[in-house]
Amino acid sequence: AAFGKTNYRRMLTEWLGATPPEWGMNDEANADGPILGAAL
């Protein structure tokens, strides 16, 4: 039901915000490049 009605880039950062801090994926400073999308 969420297909086409969701900000997928925001959803990615929301999920990563809940990951352990030592993984470094909830810190924008560790990002290497932009969030990119594609169809499957």
PDB file of all heavy atoms in Angstrom:
ATOM      1  N   ALA A   1       0.828  -1.210   0.000  1.00  0.00           N
ATOM      2  CA  ALA A   1       0.000   0.000   0.000  1.00  0.00           C
ATOM      3  C   ALA A   1       0.862   1.259   0.000  1.00  0.00           C
ATOM      4  O   ALA A   1       0.393   2.342  -0.379  1.00  0.00           O
ATOM      5  CB  ALA A   1      -0.921  -0.002   1.214  1.00  0.00           C
ATOM      6  N   ALA A   2       2.129   1.116   0.414  1.00  0.00           N
ATOM      7  CA  ALA A   2       3.030   2.274   0.492  1.00  0.00           C
ATOM      8  C   ALA A   2       3.674   2.614  -0.850  1.00  0.00           C
ATOM      9  O   ALA A   2       4.288   3.669  -0.990  1.00  0.00           O
ATOM     10  CB  ALA A   2       4.125   2.004   1.524  1.00  0.00           C
ATOM     11  N   PHE A   3       3.525   1.728  -1.840  1.00  0.00           N
ATOM     12  CA  PHE A   3       4.192   1.937  -3.126  1.00  0.00           C
ATOM     13  C   PHE A   3       3.679   3.204  -3.800  1.00  0.00           C
ATOM     14  O   PHE A   3       2.473   3.402  -3.968  1.00  0.00           O
ATOM     15  CB  PHE A   3       3.949   0.739  -4.039  1.00  0.00           C
ATOM     16  CG  PHE A   3       4.713   0.799  -5.336  1.00  0.00           C
ATOM     17  CD1 PHE A   3       6.028   0.405  -5.391  1.00  0.00           C
ATOM     18  CD2 PHE A   3       4.106   1.269  -6.498  1.00  0.00           C
ATOM     19  CE1 PHE A   3       6.741   0.444  -6.582  1.00  0.00           C
ATOM     20  CE2 PHE A   3       4.808   1.329  -7.690  1.00  0.00           C
ATOM     21  CZ  PHE A   3       6.133   0.919  -7.724  1.00  0.00           C
ATOM     22  N   GLY A   4       4.610   4.087  -4.166  1.00  0.00           N
ATOM     23  CA  GLY A   4       4.252   5.319  -4.853  1.00  0.00           C
ATOM     24  C   GLY A   4       3.696   6.404  -3.953  1.00  0.00           C
ATOM     25  O   GLY A   4       3.382   7.499  -4.418  1.00  0.00           O
ATOM     26  N   LYS A   5       3.592   6.115  -2.648  1.00  0.00           N
ATOM     27  CA  LYS A   5       3.016   7.102  -1.721  1.00  0.00           C
ATOM     28  C   LYS A   5       3.985   7.440  -0.594  1.00  0.00           C
ATOM     29  O   LYS A   5       3.581   8.011   0.414  1.00  0.00           O
ATOM     30  CB  LYS A   5       1.719   6.549  -1.110  1.00  0.00           C
ATOM     31  CG  LYS A   5       0.672   6.134  -2.134  1.00  0.00           C
ATOM     32  CD  LYS A   5      -0.494   5.426  -1.460  1.00  0.00           C
ATOM     33  CE  LYS A   5      -1.484   4.895  -2.481  1.00  0.00           C
ATOM     34  NZ  LYS A   5      -2.559   4.097  -1.840  1.00  0.00           N
ATOM     35  N   THR A   6       5.230   7.050  -0.762  1.00  0.00           N
ATOM     36  CA  THR A   6       6.207   7.167   0.317  1.00  0.00           C
ATOM     37  C   THR A   6       7.438   7.913  -0.169  1.00  0.00           C
ATOM     38  O   THR A   6       7.852   7.751  -1.326  1.00  0.00           O
ATOM     39  CB  THR A   6       6.618   5.765   0.808  1.00  0.00           C
ATOM     40  OG1 THR A   6       5.457   5.058   1.232  1.00  0.00           O
ATOM     41  CG2 THR A   6       7.602   5.845   1.968  1.00  0.00           C
ATOM     42  N   ASN A   7       8.019   8.704   0.705  1.00  0.00           N
ATOM     43  CA  ASN A   7       9.313   9.321   0.429  1.00  0.00           C
ATOM     44  C   ASN A   7      10.381   8.290   0.789  1.00  0.00           C
ATOM     45  O   ASN A   7      10.749   8.132   1.953  1.00  0.00           O
ATOM     46  CB  ASN A   7       9.482  10.596   1.262  1.00  0.00           C
ATOM     47  CG  ASN A   7      10.782  11.327   0.945  1.00  0.00           C
ATOM     48  OD1 ASN A   7      11.786  10.711   0.597  1.00  0.00           O
ATOM     49  ND2 ASN A   7      10.758  12.642   1.074  1.00  0.00           N
ATOM     50  N   TYR A   8      10.838   7.540  -0.216  1.00  0.00           N
ATOM     51  CA  TYR A   8      11.736   6.416   0.055  1.00  0.00           C
ATOM     52  C   TYR A   8      13.075   6.871   0.610  1.00  0.00           C
ATOM     53  O   TYR A   8      13.677   6.178   1.441  1.00  0.00           O
ATOM     54  CB  TYR A   8      11.951   5.605  -1.233  1.00  0.00           C
ATOM     55  CG  TYR A   8      10.674   5.115  -1.860  1.00  0.00           C
ATOM     56  CD1 TYR A   8      10.261   5.585  -3.117  1.00  0.00           C
ATOM     57  CD2 TYR A   8       9.856   4.196  -1.207  1.00  0.00           C
ATOM     58  CE1 TYR A   8       9.081   5.143  -3.696  1.00  0.00           C
ATOM     59  CE2 TYR A   8       8.678   3.749  -1.776  1.00  0.00           C
ATOM     60  CZ  TYR A   8       8.293   4.237  -3.026  1.00  0.00           C
ATOM     61  OH  TYR A   8       7.120   3.804  -3.594  1.00  0.00           O
ATOM     62  N   ARG A   9      13.550   8.025   0.174  1.00  0.00           N
ATOM     63  CA  ARG A   9      14.834   8.512   0.684  1.00  0.00           C
ATOM     64  C   ARG A   9      14.735   8.843   2.168  1.00  0.00           C
ATOM     65  O   ARG A   9      15.630   8.514   2.943  1.00  0.00           O
ATOM     66  CB  ARG A   9      15.268   9.737  -0.128  1.00  0.00           C
ATOM     67  CG  ARG A   9      15.712   9.393  -1.545  1.00  0.00           C
ATOM     68  CD  ARG A   9      15.836  10.613  -2.430  1.00  0.00           C
ATOM     69  NE  ARG A   9      16.433  10.297  -3.724  1.00  0.00           N
ATOM     70  CZ  ARG A   9      15.786   9.724  -4.727  1.00  0.00           C
ATOM     71  NH1 ARG A   9      14.495   9.409  -4.579  1.00  0.00           N
ATOM     72  NH2 ARG A   9      16.398   9.453  -5.868  1.00  0.00           N
ATOM     73  N   ARG A  10      13.633   9.471   2.557  1.00  0.00           N
ATOM     74  CA  ARG A  10      13.428   9.758   3.981  1.00  0.00           C
ATOM     75  C   ARG A  10      13.271   8.461   4.776  1.00  0.00           C
ATOM     76  O   ARG A  10      13.777   8.339   5.890  1.00  0.00           O
ATOM     77  CB  ARG A  10      12.206  10.652   4.173  1.00  0.00           C
ATOM     78  CG  ARG A  10      11.869  10.881   5.647  1.00  0.00           C
ATOM     79  CD  ARG A  10      10.877  12.015   5.881  1.00  0.00           C
ATOM     80  NE  ARG A  10      10.474  12.082   7.258  1.00  0.00           N
ATOM     81  CZ  ARG A  10      11.231  12.527   8.255  1.00  0.00           C
ATOM     82  NH1 ARG A  10      12.460  12.942   8.016  1.00  0.00           N
ATOM     83  NH2 ARG A  10      10.794  12.550   9.489  1.00  0.00           N
ATOM     84  N   MET A  11      12.592   7.486   4.178  1.00  0.00           N
ATOM     85  CA  MET A  11      12.396   6.210   4.863  1.00  0.00           C
ATOM     86  C   MET A  11      13.738   5.522   5.122  1.00  0.00           C
ATOM     87  O   MET A  11      13.951   4.911   6.175  1.00  0.00           O
ATOM     88  CB  MET A  11      11.484   5.312   4.036  1.00  0.00           C
ATOM     89  CG  MET A  11      11.009   4.081   4.789  1.00  0.00           C
ATOM     90  SD  MET A  11       9.650   3.252   3.949  1.00  0.00           S
ATOM     91  CE  MET A  11      10.530   2.386   2.657  1.00  0.00           C
ATOM     92  N   LEU A  12      14.664   5.630   4.169  1.00  0.00           N
ATOM     93  CA  LEU A  12      15.986   5.031   4.360  1.00  0.00           C
ATOM     94  C   LEU A  12      16.700   5.658   5.550  1.00  0.00           C
ATOM     95  O   LEU A  12      17.251   4.952   6.400  1.00  0.00           O
ATOM     96  CB  LEU A  12      16.825   5.198   3.084  1.00  0.00           C
ATOM     97  CG  LEU A  12      18.253   4.642   3.144  1.00  0.00           C
ATOM     98  CD1 LEU A  12      18.238   3.127   3.329  1.00  0.00           C
ATOM     99  CD2 LEU A  12      19.042   5.016   1.887  1.00  0.00           C
ATOM    100  N   THR A  13      16.693   6.987   5.643  1.00  0.00           N
ATOM    101  CA  THR A  13      17.373   7.645   6.757  1.00  0.00           C
ATOM    102  C   THR A  13      16.661   7.367   8.079  1.00  0.00           C
ATOM    103  O   THR A  13      17.307   7.284   9.135  1.00  0.00           O
ATOM    104  CB  THR A  13      17.497   9.160   6.522  1.00  0.00           C
ATOM    105  OG1 THR A  13      16.194   9.720   6.314  1.00  0.00           O
ATOM    106  CG2 THR A  13      18.351   9.449   5.300  1.00  0.00           C
ATOM    107  N   GLU A  14      15.331   7.200   8.039  1.00  0.00           N
ATOM    108  CA  GLU A  14      14.594   6.837   9.268  1.00  0.00           C
ATOM    109  C   GLU A  14      15.051   5.474   9.774  1.00  0.00           C
ATOM    110  O   GLU A  14      15.298   5.286  10.961  1.00  0.00           O
ATOM    111  CB  GLU A  14      13.096   6.805   8.990  1.00  0.00           C
ATOM    112  CG  GLU A  14      12.396   8.146   9.081  1.00  0.00           C
ATOM    113  CD  GLU A  14      10.883   7.973   9.102  1.00  0.00           C
ATOM    114  OE1 GLU A  14      10.384   7.283  10.027  1.00  0.00           O
ATOM    115  OE2 GLU A  14      10.221   8.499   8.202  1.00  0.00           O
ATOM    116  N   TRP A  15      15.116   4.499   8.867  1.00  0.00           N
ATOM    117  CA  TRP A  15      15.548   3.153   9.263  1.00  0.00           C
ATOM    118  C   TRP A  15      16.984   3.182   9.793  1.00  0.00           C
ATOM    119  O   TRP A  15      17.279   2.619  10.850  1.00  0.00           O
ATOM    120  CB  TRP A  15      15.426   2.199   8.071  1.00  0.00           C
ATOM    121  CG  TRP A  15      16.142   0.892   8.272  1.00  0.00           C
ATOM    122  CD1 TRP A  15      16.125   0.100   9.387  1.00  0.00           C
ATOM    123  CD2 TRP A  15      17.008   0.238   7.339  1.00  0.00           C
ATOM    124  NE1 TRP A  15      16.912  -1.022   9.191  1.00  0.00           N
ATOM    125  CE2 TRP A  15      17.458  -0.959   7.953  1.00  0.00           C
ATOM    126  CE3 TRP A  15      17.415   0.531   6.029  1.00  0.00           C
ATOM    127  CZ2 TRP A  15      18.321  -1.849   7.300  1.00  0.00           C
ATOM    128  CZ3 TRP A  15      18.253  -0.358   5.388  1.00  0.00           C
ATOM    129  CH2 TRP A  15      18.706  -1.534   6.020  1.00  0.00           C
ATOM    130  N   LEU A  16      17.872   3.846   9.080  1.00  0.00           N
ATOM    131  CA  LEU A  16      19.273   3.878   9.503  1.00  0.00           C
ATOM    132  C   LEU A  16      19.449   4.624  10.815  1.00  0.00           C
ATOM    133  O   LEU A  16      20.392   4.358  11.564  1.00  0.00           O
ATOM    134  CB  LEU A  16      20.128   4.509   8.407  1.00  0.00           C
ATOM    135  CG  LEU A  16      20.182   3.720   7.091  1.00  0.00           C
ATOM    136  CD1 LEU A  16      21.049   4.424   6.078  1.00  0.00           C
ATOM    137  CD2 LEU A  16      20.674   2.297   7.324  1.00  0.00           C
ATOM    138  N   GLY A  17      18.524   5.542  11.114  1.00  0.00           N
ATOM    139  CA  GLY A  17      18.579   6.241  12.394  1.00  0.00           C
ATOM    140  C   GLY A  17      18.376   5.314  13.579  1.00  0.00           C
ATOM    141  O   GLY A  17      18.742   5.653  14.714  1.00  0.00           O
ATOM    142  N   ALA A  18      17.794   4.134  13.325  1.00  0.00           N
ATOM    143  CA  ALA A  18      17.551   3.173  14.402  1.00  0.00           C
ATOM    144  C   ALA A  18      18.652   2.120  14.500  1.00  0.00           C
ATOM    145  O   ALA A  18      18.597   1.241  15.372  1.00  0.00           O
ATOM    146  CB  ALA A  18      16.202   2.493  14.177  1.00  0.00           C
ATOM    147  N   THR A  19      19.660   2.167  13.627  1.00  0.00           N
ATOM    148  CA  THR A  19      20.741   1.186  13.669  1.00  0.00           C
ATOM    149  C   THR A  19      21.771   1.589  14.725  1.00  0.00           C
ATOM    150  O   THR A  19      21.856   2.755  15.117  1.00  0.00           O
ATOM    151  CB  THR A  19      21.424   1.052  12.289  1.00  0.00           C
ATOM    152  OG1 THR A  19      21.941   2.320  11.884  1.00  0.00           O
ATOM    153  CG2 THR A  19      20.438   0.540  11.249  1.00  0.00           C
ATOM    154  N   PRO A  20      22.589   0.640  15.210  1.00  0.00           N
ATOM    155  CA  PRO A  20      23.577   0.953  16.252  1.00  0.00           C
ATOM    156  C   PRO A  20      24.527   2.074  15.838  1.00  0.00           C
ATOM    157  O   PRO A  20      25.020   2.080  14.703  1.00  0.00           O
ATOM    158  CB  PRO A  20      24.323  -0.377  16.422  1.00  0.00           C
ATOM    159  CG  PRO A  20      23.350  -1.425  15.991  1.00  0.00           C
ATOM    160  CD  PRO A  20      22.565  -0.802  14.875  1.00  0.00           C
ATOM    161  N   PRO A  21      24.816   3.012  16.734  1.00  0.00           N
ATOM    162  CA  PRO A  21      25.691   4.144  16.401  1.00  0.00           C
ATOM    163  C   PRO A  21      27.072   3.721  15.910  1.00  0.00           C
ATOM    164  O   PRO A  21      27.660   4.383  15.045  1.00  0.00           O
ATOM    165  CB  PRO A  21      25.799   4.914  17.725  1.00  0.00           C
ATOM    166  CG  PRO A  21      24.569   4.528  18.489  1.00  0.00           C
ATOM    167  CD  PRO A  21      24.272   3.117  18.101  1.00  0.00           C
ATOM    168  N   GLU A  22      27.596   2.591  16.438  1.00  0.00           N
ATOM    169  CA  GLU A  22      28.938   2.170  16.041  1.00  0.00           C
ATOM    170  C   GLU A  22      29.010   1.723  14.581  1.00  0.00           C
ATOM    171  O   GLU A  22      30.107   1.621  14.014  1.00  0.00           O
ATOM    172  CB  GLU A  22      29.445   1.043  16.957  1.00  0.00           C
ATOM    173  CG  GLU A  22      28.614  -0.231  16.968  1.00  0.00           C
ATOM    174  CD  GLU A  22      27.518  -0.210  18.034  1.00  0.00           C
ATOM    175  OE1 GLU A  22      27.132   0.898  18.485  1.00  0.00           O
ATOM    176  OE2 GLU A  22      27.061  -1.306  18.418  1.00  0.00           O
ATOM    177  N   TRP A  23      27.868   1.472  13.946  1.00  0.00           N
ATOM    178  CA  TRP A  23      27.874   1.134  12.524  1.00  0.00           C
ATOM    179  C   TRP A  23      28.135   2.365  11.658  1.00  0.00           C
ATOM    180  O   TRP A  23      28.547   2.243  10.510  1.00  0.00           O
ATOM    181  CB  TRP A  23      26.551   0.506  12.111  1.00  0.00           C
ATOM    182  CG  TRP A  23      26.311  -0.860  12.681  1.00  0.00           C
ATOM    183  CD1 TRP A  23      27.118  -1.551  13.556  1.00  0.00           C
ATOM    184  CD2 TRP A  23      25.187  -1.717  12.434  1.00  0.00           C
ATOM    185  NE1 TRP A  23      26.566  -2.771  13.869  1.00  0.00           N
ATOM    186  CE2 TRP A  23      25.375  -2.894  13.190  1.00  0.00           C
ATOM    187  CE3 TRP A  23      24.048  -1.586  11.651  1.00  0.00           C
ATOM    188  CZ2 TRP A  23      24.457  -3.933  13.172  1.00  0.00           C
ATOM    189  CZ3 TRP A  23      23.126  -2.623  11.629  1.00  0.00           C
ATOM    190  CH2 TRP A  23      23.337  -3.787  12.382  1.00  0.00           C
ATOM    191  N   GLY A  24      27.835   3.537  12.197  1.00  0.00           N
ATOM    192  CA  GLY A  24      28.130   4.779  11.483  1.00  0.00           C
ATOM    193  C   GLY A  24      27.123   5.157  10.413  1.00  0.00           C
ATOM    194  O   GLY A  24      27.349   6.101   9.653  1.00  0.00           O
ATOM    195  N   MET A  25      25.988   4.451  10.345  1.00  0.00           N
ATOM    196  CA  MET A  25      25.032   4.717   9.274  1.00  0.00           C
ATOM    197  C   MET A  25      23.898   5.648   9.685  1.00  0.00           C
ATOM    198  O   MET A  25      23.021   5.948   8.876  1.00  0.00           O
ATOM    199  CB  MET A  25      24.455   3.389   8.750  1.00  0.00           C
ATOM    200  CG  MET A  25      25.490   2.586   7.982  1.00  0.00           C
ATOM    201  SD  MET A  25      24.904   0.967   7.473  1.00  0.00           S
ATOM    202  CE  MET A  25      25.137   0.002   8.950  1.00  0.00           C
ATOM    203  N   ASN A  26      23.941   6.101  10.931  1.00  0.00           N
ATOM    204  CA  ASN A  26      22.963   7.112  11.358  1.00  0.00           C
ATOM    205  C   ASN A  26      23.623   8.471  11.535  1.00  0.00           C
ATOM    206  O   ASN A  26      23.069   9.367  12.157  1.00  0.00           O
ATOM    207  CB  ASN A  26      22.250   6.681  12.653  1.00  0.00           C
ATOM    208  CG  ASN A  26      23.246   6.305  13.755  1.00  0.00           C
ATOM    209  OD1 ASN A  26      24.421   6.648  13.666  1.00  0.00           O
ATOM    210  ND2 ASN A  26      22.767   5.596  14.766  1.00  0.00           N
ATOM    211  N   ASP A  27      24.819   8.596  10.948  1.00  0.00           N
ATOM    212  CA  ASP A  27      25.577   9.845  11.000  1.00  0.00           C
ATOM    213  C   ASP A  27      25.783  10.338   9.571  1.00  0.00           C
ATOM    214  O   ASP A  27      26.476   9.698   8.765  1.00  0.00           O
ATOM    215  CB  ASP A  27      26.924   9.607  11.693  1.00  0.00           C
ATOM    216  CG  ASP A  27      27.716  10.892  11.895  1.00  0.00           C
ATOM    217  OD1 ASP A  27      27.364  11.926  11.281  1.00  0.00           O
ATOM    218  OD2 ASP A  27      28.693  10.860  12.659  1.00  0.00           O
ATOM    219  N   GLU A  28      25.170  11.465   9.240  1.00  0.00           N
ATOM    220  CA  GLU A  28      25.247  12.012   7.878  1.00  0.00           C
ATOM    221  C   GLU A  28      26.685  12.251   7.440  1.00  0.00           C
ATOM    222  O   GLU A  28      26.997  12.180   6.244  1.00  0.00           O
ATOM    223  CB  GLU A  28      24.444  13.319   7.813  1.00  0.00           C
ATOM    224  CG  GLU A  28      24.273  13.904   6.432  1.00  0.00           C
ATOM    225  CD  GLU A  28      23.340  13.099   5.535  1.00  0.00           C
ATOM    226  OE1 GLU A  28      22.585  12.261   6.063  1.00  0.00           O
ATOM    227  OE2 GLU A  28      23.386  13.318   4.306  1.00  0.00           O
ATOM    228  N   ALA A  29      27.570  12.488   8.405  1.00  0.00           N
ATOM    229  CA  ALA A  29      28.971  12.751   8.068  1.00  0.00           C
ATOM    230  C   ALA A  29      29.643  11.534   7.429  1.00  0.00           C
ATOM    231  O   ALA A  29      30.654  11.673   6.738  1.00  0.00           O
ATOM    232  CB  ALA A  29      29.742  13.179   9.317  1.00  0.00           C
ATOM    233  N   ASN A  30      29.097  10.350   7.669  1.00  0.00           N
ATOM    234  CA  ASN A  30      29.688   9.129   7.111  1.00  0.00           C
ATOM    235  C   ASN A  30      29.141   8.768   5.734  1.00  0.00           C
ATOM    236  O   ASN A  30      29.587   7.793   5.130  1.00  0.00           O
ATOM    237  CB  ASN A  30      29.450   7.946   8.062  1.00  0.00           C
ATOM    238  CG  ASN A  30      30.221   8.093   9.362  1.00  0.00           C
ATOM    239  OD1 ASN A  30      31.307   8.648   9.376  1.00  0.00           O
ATOM    240  ND2 ASN A  30      29.652   7.604  10.447  1.00  0.00           N
ATOM    241  N   ALA A  31      28.146   9.517   5.267  1.00  0.00           N
ATOM    242  CA  ALA A  31      27.554   9.226   3.957  1.00  0.00           C
ATOM    243  C   ALA A  31      28.575   9.473   2.850  1.00  0.00           C
ATOM    244  O   ALA A  31      29.322  10.442   2.878  1.00  0.00           O
ATOM    245  CB  ALA A  31      26.319  10.083   3.739  1.00  0.00           C
ATOM    246  N   ASP A  32      28.613   8.577   1.885  1.00  0.00           N
ATOM    247  CA  ASP A  32      29.526   8.693   0.750  1.00  0.00           C
ATOM    248  C   ASP A  32      28.674   8.785  -0.514  1.00  0.00           C
ATOM    249  O   ASP A  32      28.378   7.790  -1.165  1.00  0.00           O
ATOM    250  CB  ASP A  32      30.441   7.471   0.706  1.00  0.00           C
ATOM    251  CG  ASP A  32      31.527   7.589  -0.362  1.00  0.00           C
ATOM    252  OD1 ASP A  32      31.472   8.540  -1.161  1.00  0.00           O
ATOM    253  OD2 ASP A  32      32.414   6.725  -0.407  1.00  0.00           O
ATOM    254  N   GLY A  33      28.262  10.000  -0.854  1.00  0.00           N
ATOM    255  CA  GLY A  33      27.430  10.207  -2.037  1.00  0.00           C
ATOM    256  C   GLY A  33      25.959  10.332  -1.689  1.00  0.00           C
ATOM    257  O   GLY A  33      25.545  10.116  -0.545  1.00  0.00           O
ATOM    258  N   PRO A  34      25.140  10.654  -2.669  1.00  0.00           N
ATOM    259  CA  PRO A  34      23.711  10.878  -2.436  1.00  0.00           C
ATOM    260  C   PRO A  34      22.927   9.573  -2.378  1.00  0.00           C
ATOM    261  O   PRO A  34      23.438   8.499  -2.713  1.00  0.00           O
ATOM    262  CB  PRO A  34      23.291  11.687  -3.672  1.00  0.00           C
ATOM    263  CG  PRO A  34      24.206  11.186  -4.745  1.00  0.00           C
ATOM    264  CD  PRO A  34      25.526  10.907  -4.071  1.00  0.00           C
ATOM    265  N   ILE A  35      21.675   9.663  -1.945  1.00  0.00           N
ATOM    266  CA  ILE A  35      20.737   8.542  -2.037  1.00  0.00           C
ATOM    267  C   ILE A  35      20.201   8.512  -3.462  1.00  0.00           C
ATOM    268  O   ILE A  35      19.681   9.507  -3.959  1.00  0.00           O
ATOM    269  CB  ILE A  35      19.574   8.705  -1.042  1.00  0.00           C
ATOM    270  CG1 ILE A  35      20.094   8.744   0.401  1.00  0.00           C
ATOM    271  CG2 ILE A  35      18.564   7.569  -1.203  1.00  0.00           C
ATOM    272  CD1 ILE A  35      19.018   9.043   1.431  1.00  0.00           C
ATOM    273  N   LEU A  36      20.348   7.373  -4.124  1.00  0.00           N
ATOM    274  CA  LEU A  36      19.899   7.219  -5.499  1.00  0.00           C
ATOM    275  C   LEU A  36      18.865   6.097  -5.588  1.00  0.00           C
ATOM    276  O   LEU A  36      18.903   5.156  -4.797  1.00  0.00           O
ATOM    277  CB  LEU A  36      21.079   6.907  -6.424  1.00  0.00           C
ATOM    278  CG  LEU A  36      22.184   7.975  -6.500  1.00  0.00           C
ATOM    279  CD1 LEU A  36      23.344   7.486  -7.363  1.00  0.00           C
ATOM    280  CD2 LEU A  36      21.632   9.288  -7.038  1.00  0.00           C
ATOM    281  N   GLY A  37      17.955   6.208  -6.541  1.00  0.00           N
ATOM    282  CA  GLY A  37      16.893   5.224  -6.664  1.00  0.00           C
ATOM    283  C   GLY A  37      16.773   4.660  -8.069  1.00  0.00           C
ATOM    284  O   GLY A  37      17.265   5.237  -9.038  1.00  0.00           O
ATOM    285  N   ALA A  38      16.105   3.513  -8.164  1.00  0.00           N
ATOM    286  CA  ALA A  38      15.870   2.877  -9.460  1.00  0.00           C
ATOM    287  C   ALA A  38      14.670   1.949  -9.354  1.00  0.00           C
ATOM    288  O   ALA A  38      14.317   1.494  -8.263  1.00  0.00           O
ATOM    289  CB  ALA A  38      17.094   2.081  -9.911  1.00  0.00           C
ATOM    290  N   ALA A  39      14.053   1.670 -10.495  1.00  0.00           N
ATOM    291  CA  ALA A  39      12.941   0.723 -10.556  1.00  0.00           C
ATOM    292  C   ALA A  39      13.477  -0.688 -10.763  1.00  0.00           C
ATOM    293  O   ALA A  39      14.573  -0.887 -11.299  1.00  0.00           O
ATOM    294  CB  ALA A  39      11.993   1.095 -11.689  1.00  0.00           C
ATOM    295  N   LEU A  40      12.694  -1.675 -10.319  1.00  0.00           N
ATOM    296  CA  LEU A  40      13.048  -3.082 -10.477  1.00  0.00           C
ATOM    297  C   LEU A  40      11.943  -3.777 -11.284  1.00  0.00           C
ATOM    298  O   LEU A  40      10.905  -4.148 -10.739  1.00  0.00           O
ATOM    299  CB  LEU A  40      13.194  -3.757  -9.108  1.00  0.00           C
ATOM    300  CG  LEU A  40      14.211  -3.150  -8.130  1.00  0.00           C
ATOM    301  CD1 LEU A  40      14.110  -3.830  -6.776  1.00  0.00           C
ATOM    302  CD2 LEU A  40      15.620  -3.278  -8.689  1.00  0.00           C
TER     303      LEU A  40
END
